[in-house]
Amino acid sequence: MPLTKDFKDTIKARAERDPEFRAGLFREAVEAMLSDDLETG
């Protein structure tokens, strides 16, 4: 399912202002890639 631009903008804006959220996104991406889920990571 494609993401809407509004959702992408919302996530980007929060990541820019919230370092804990940004770190969480990074952590989840690394864990997904280590679990061999490259599409999600």
PDB file of N, CA and C in Angstrom:
ATOM      1  N   MET A   1       0.847  -1.167   0.000  1.00  0.00           N
ATOM      2  CA  MET A   1       0.000   0.000   0.000  1.00  0.00           C
ATOM      3  C   MET A   1       0.897   1.237   0.000  1.00  0.00           C
ATOM      4  N   PRO A   2       0.743   2.126  -0.961  1.00  0.00           N
ATOM      5  CA  PRO A   2       1.570   3.334  -0.986  1.00  0.00           C
ATOM      6  C   PRO A   2       1.202   4.280   0.156  1.00  0.00           C
ATOM      7  N   LEU A   3       2.219   4.941   0.663  1.00  0.00           N
ATOM      8  CA  LEU A   3       2.000   5.910   1.729  1.00  0.00           C
ATOM      9  C   LEU A   3       1.603   7.247   1.121  1.00  0.00           C
ATOM     10  N   THR A   4       0.762   7.967   1.822  1.00  0.00           N
ATOM     11  CA  THR A   4       0.380   9.290   1.331  1.00  0.00           C
ATOM     12  C   THR A   4       1.494  10.278   1.638  1.00  0.00           C
ATOM     13  N   LYS A   5       1.529  11.328   0.897  1.00  0.00           N
ATOM     14  CA  LYS A   5       2.553  12.343   1.119  1.00  0.00           C
ATOM     15  C   LYS A   5       2.398  12.971   2.501  1.00  0.00           C
ATOM     16  N   ASP A   6       1.179  13.168   2.945  1.00  0.00           N
ATOM     17  CA  ASP A   6       0.950  13.764   4.252  1.00  0.00           C
ATOM     18  C   ASP A   6       1.589  12.929   5.356  1.00  0.00           C
ATOM     19  N   PHE A   7       1.454  11.602   5.284  1.00  0.00           N
ATOM     20  CA  PHE A   7       2.037  10.724   6.290  1.00  0.00           C
ATOM     21  C   PHE A   7       3.558  10.839   6.267  1.00  0.00           C
ATOM     22  N   LYS A   8       4.142  10.803   5.070  1.00  0.00           N
ATOM     23  CA  LYS A   8       5.594  10.919   4.948  1.00  0.00           C
ATOM     24  C   LYS A   8       6.077  12.250   5.513  1.00  0.00           C
ATOM     25  N   ASP A   9       5.368  13.322   5.215  1.00  0.00           N
ATOM     26  CA  ASP A   9       5.751  14.644   5.725  1.00  0.00           C
ATOM     27  C   ASP A   9       5.645  14.702   7.245  1.00  0.00           C
ATOM     28  N   THR A  10       4.618  14.054   7.788  1.00  0.00           N
ATOM     29  CA  THR A  10       4.424  14.035   9.240  1.00  0.00           C
ATOM     30  C   THR A  10       5.585  13.314   9.924  1.00  0.00           C
ATOM     31  N   ILE A  11       5.966  12.165   9.395  1.00  0.00           N
ATOM     32  CA  ILE A  11       7.064  11.396   9.977  1.00  0.00           C
ATOM     33  C   ILE A  11       8.377  12.169   9.841  1.00  0.00           C
ATOM     34  N   LYS A  12       8.605  12.756   8.693  1.00  0.00           N
ATOM     35  CA  LYS A  12       9.837  13.516   8.472  1.00  0.00           C
ATOM     36  C   LYS A  12       9.922  14.699   9.433  1.00  0.00           C
ATOM     37  N   ALA A  13       8.831  15.411   9.603  1.00  0.00           N
ATOM     38  CA  ALA A  13       8.827  16.577  10.491  1.00  0.00           C
ATOM     39  C   ALA A  13       9.105  16.156  11.935  1.00  0.00           C
ATOM     40  N   ARG A  14       8.497  15.051  12.368  1.00  0.00           N
ATOM     41  CA  ARG A  14       8.743  14.600  13.742  1.00  0.00           C
ATOM     42  C   ARG A  14      10.188  14.148  13.912  1.00  0.00           C
ATOM     43  N   ALA A  15      10.723  13.453  12.932  1.00  0.00           N
ATOM     44  CA  ALA A  15      12.116  12.992  13.015  1.00  0.00           C
ATOM     45  C   ALA A  15      13.080  14.180  13.081  1.00  0.00           C
ATOM     46  N   GLU A  16      12.744  15.249  12.389  1.00  0.00           N
ATOM     47  CA  GLU A  16      13.612  16.426  12.404  1.00  0.00           C
ATOM     48  C   GLU A  16      13.621  17.123  13.757  1.00  0.00           C
ATOM     49  N   ARG A  17      12.531  17.039  14.507  1.00  0.00           N
ATOM     50  CA  ARG A  17      12.462  17.777  15.774  1.00  0.00           C
ATOM     51  C   ARG A  17      12.631  16.898  17.012  1.00  0.00           C
ATOM     52  N   ASP A  18      12.582  15.560  16.851  1.00  0.00           N
ATOM     53  CA  ASP A  18      12.597  14.667  18.007  1.00  0.00           C
ATOM     54  C   ASP A  18      13.730  13.649  17.887  1.00  0.00           C
ATOM     55  N   PRO A  19      14.847  13.889  18.575  1.00  0.00           N
ATOM     56  CA  PRO A  19      15.990  12.980  18.448  1.00  0.00           C
ATOM     57  C   PRO A  19      15.697  11.554  18.940  1.00  0.00           C
ATOM     58  N   GLU A  20      14.852  11.399  19.936  1.00  0.00           N
ATOM     59  CA  GLU A  20      14.513  10.049  20.412  1.00  0.00           C
ATOM     60  C   GLU A  20      13.711   9.285  19.365  1.00  0.00           C
ATOM     61  N   PHE A  21      12.807   9.962  18.699  1.00  0.00           N
ATOM     62  CA  PHE A  21      12.018   9.340  17.638  1.00  0.00           C
ATOM     63  C   PHE A  21      12.935   8.933  16.485  1.00  0.00           C
ATOM     64  N   ARG A  22      13.861   9.821  16.123  1.00  0.00           N
ATOM     65  CA  ARG A  22      14.821   9.554  15.052  1.00  0.00           C
ATOM     66  C   ARG A  22      15.664   8.327  15.388  1.00  0.00           C
ATOM     67  N   ALA A  23      16.141   8.237  16.624  1.00  0.00           N
ATOM     68  CA  ALA A  23      16.939   7.090  17.044  1.00  0.00           C
ATOM     69  C   ALA A  23      16.106   5.809  17.003  1.00  0.00           C
ATOM     70  N   GLY A  24      14.838   5.903  17.390  1.00  0.00           N
ATOM     71  CA  GLY A  24      13.959   4.743  17.341  1.00  0.00           C
ATOM     72  C   GLY A  24      13.740   4.245  15.921  1.00  0.00           C
ATOM     73  N   LEU A  25      13.560   5.167  14.991  1.00  0.00           N
ATOM     74  CA  LEU A  25      13.403   4.783  13.588  1.00  0.00           C
ATOM     75  C   LEU A  25      14.656   4.071  13.087  1.00  0.00           C
ATOM     76  N   PHE A  26      15.808   4.611  13.437  1.00  0.00           N
ATOM     77  CA  PHE A  26      17.073   4.012  13.011  1.00  0.00           C
ATOM     78  C   PHE A  26      17.231   2.619  13.611  1.00  0.00           C
ATOM     79  N   ARG A  27      16.953   2.497  14.895  1.00  0.00           N
ATOM     80  CA  ARG A  27      17.071   1.205  15.590  1.00  0.00           C
ATOM     81  C   ARG A  27      16.162   0.158  14.937  1.00  0.00           C
ATOM     82  N   GLU A  28      14.921   0.545  14.655  1.00  0.00           N
ATOM     83  CA  GLU A  28      13.980  -0.385  14.024  1.00  0.00           C
ATOM     84  C   GLU A  28      14.453  -0.797  12.628  1.00  0.00           C
ATOM     85  N   ALA A  29      15.006   0.141  11.877  1.00  0.00           N
ATOM     86  CA  ALA A  29      15.498  -0.173  10.539  1.00  0.00           C
ATOM     87  C   ALA A  29      16.657  -1.161  10.604  1.00  0.00           C
ATOM     88  N   VAL A  30      17.590  -0.936  11.525  1.00  0.00           N
ATOM     89  CA  VAL A  30      18.735  -1.841  11.661  1.00  0.00           C
ATOM     90  C   VAL A  30      18.260  -3.229  12.089  1.00  0.00           C
ATOM     91  N   GLU A  31      17.351  -3.295  13.052  1.00  0.00           N
ATOM     92  CA  GLU A  31      16.830  -4.587  13.507  1.00  0.00           C
ATOM     93  C   GLU A  31      16.118  -5.317  12.373  1.00  0.00           C
ATOM     94  N   ALA A  32      15.378  -4.602  11.554  1.00  0.00           N
ATOM     95  CA  ALA A  32      14.691  -5.231  10.416  1.00  0.00           C
ATOM     96  C   ALA A  32      15.710  -5.802   9.430  1.00  0.00           C
ATOM     97  N   MET A  33      16.751  -5.053   9.148  1.00  0.00           N
ATOM     98  CA  MET A  33      17.766  -5.542   8.209  1.00  0.00           C
ATOM     99  C   MET A  33      18.519  -6.735   8.790  1.00  0.00           C
ATOM    100  N   LEU A  34      18.810  -6.724  10.066  1.00  0.00           N
ATOM    101  CA  LEU A  34      19.496  -7.849  10.700  1.00  0.00           C
ATOM    102  C   LEU A  34      18.602  -9.090  10.740  1.00  0.00           C
ATOM    103  N   SER A  35      17.299  -8.891  10.675  1.00  0.00           N
ATOM    104  CA  SER A  35      16.345  -9.999  10.657  1.00  0.00           C
ATOM    105  C   SER A  35      16.053 -10.435   9.215  1.00  0.00           C
ATOM    106  N   ASP A  36      16.848  -9.936   8.283  1.00  0.00           N
ATOM    107  CA  ASP A  36      16.718 -10.268   6.863  1.00  0.00           C
ATOM    108  C   ASP A  36      15.449  -9.712   6.227  1.00  0.00           C
ATOM    109  N   ASP A  37      14.907  -8.646   6.787  1.00  0.00           N
ATOM    110  CA  ASP A  37      13.743  -7.969   6.218  1.00  0.00           C
ATOM    111  C   ASP A  37      14.228  -6.676   5.570  1.00  0.00           C
ATOM    112  N   LEU A  38      14.897  -6.838   4.432  1.00  0.00           N
ATOM    113  CA  LEU A  38      15.536  -5.696   3.785  1.00  0.00           C
ATOM    114  C   LEU A  38      14.533  -4.680   3.251  1.00  0.00           C
ATOM    115  N   GLU A  39      13.377  -5.130   2.829  1.00  0.00           N
ATOM    116  CA  GLU A  39      12.369  -4.194   2.308  1.00  0.00           C
ATOM    117  C   GLU A  39      11.925  -3.222   3.398  1.00  0.00           C
ATOM    118  N   THR A  40      11.679  -3.726   4.584  1.00  0.00           N
ATOM    119  CA  THR A  40      11.264  -2.860   5.691  1.00  0.00           C
ATOM    120  C   THR A  40      12.423  -2.000   6.166  1.00  0.00           C
ATOM    121  N   GLY A  41      13.594  -2.624   6.285  1.00  0.00           N
ATOM    122  CA  GLY A  41      14.772  -1.904   6.767  1.00  0.00           C
ATOM    123  C   GLY A  41      15.156  -0.796   5.842  1.00  0.00           C
TER     124      GLY A  41
END
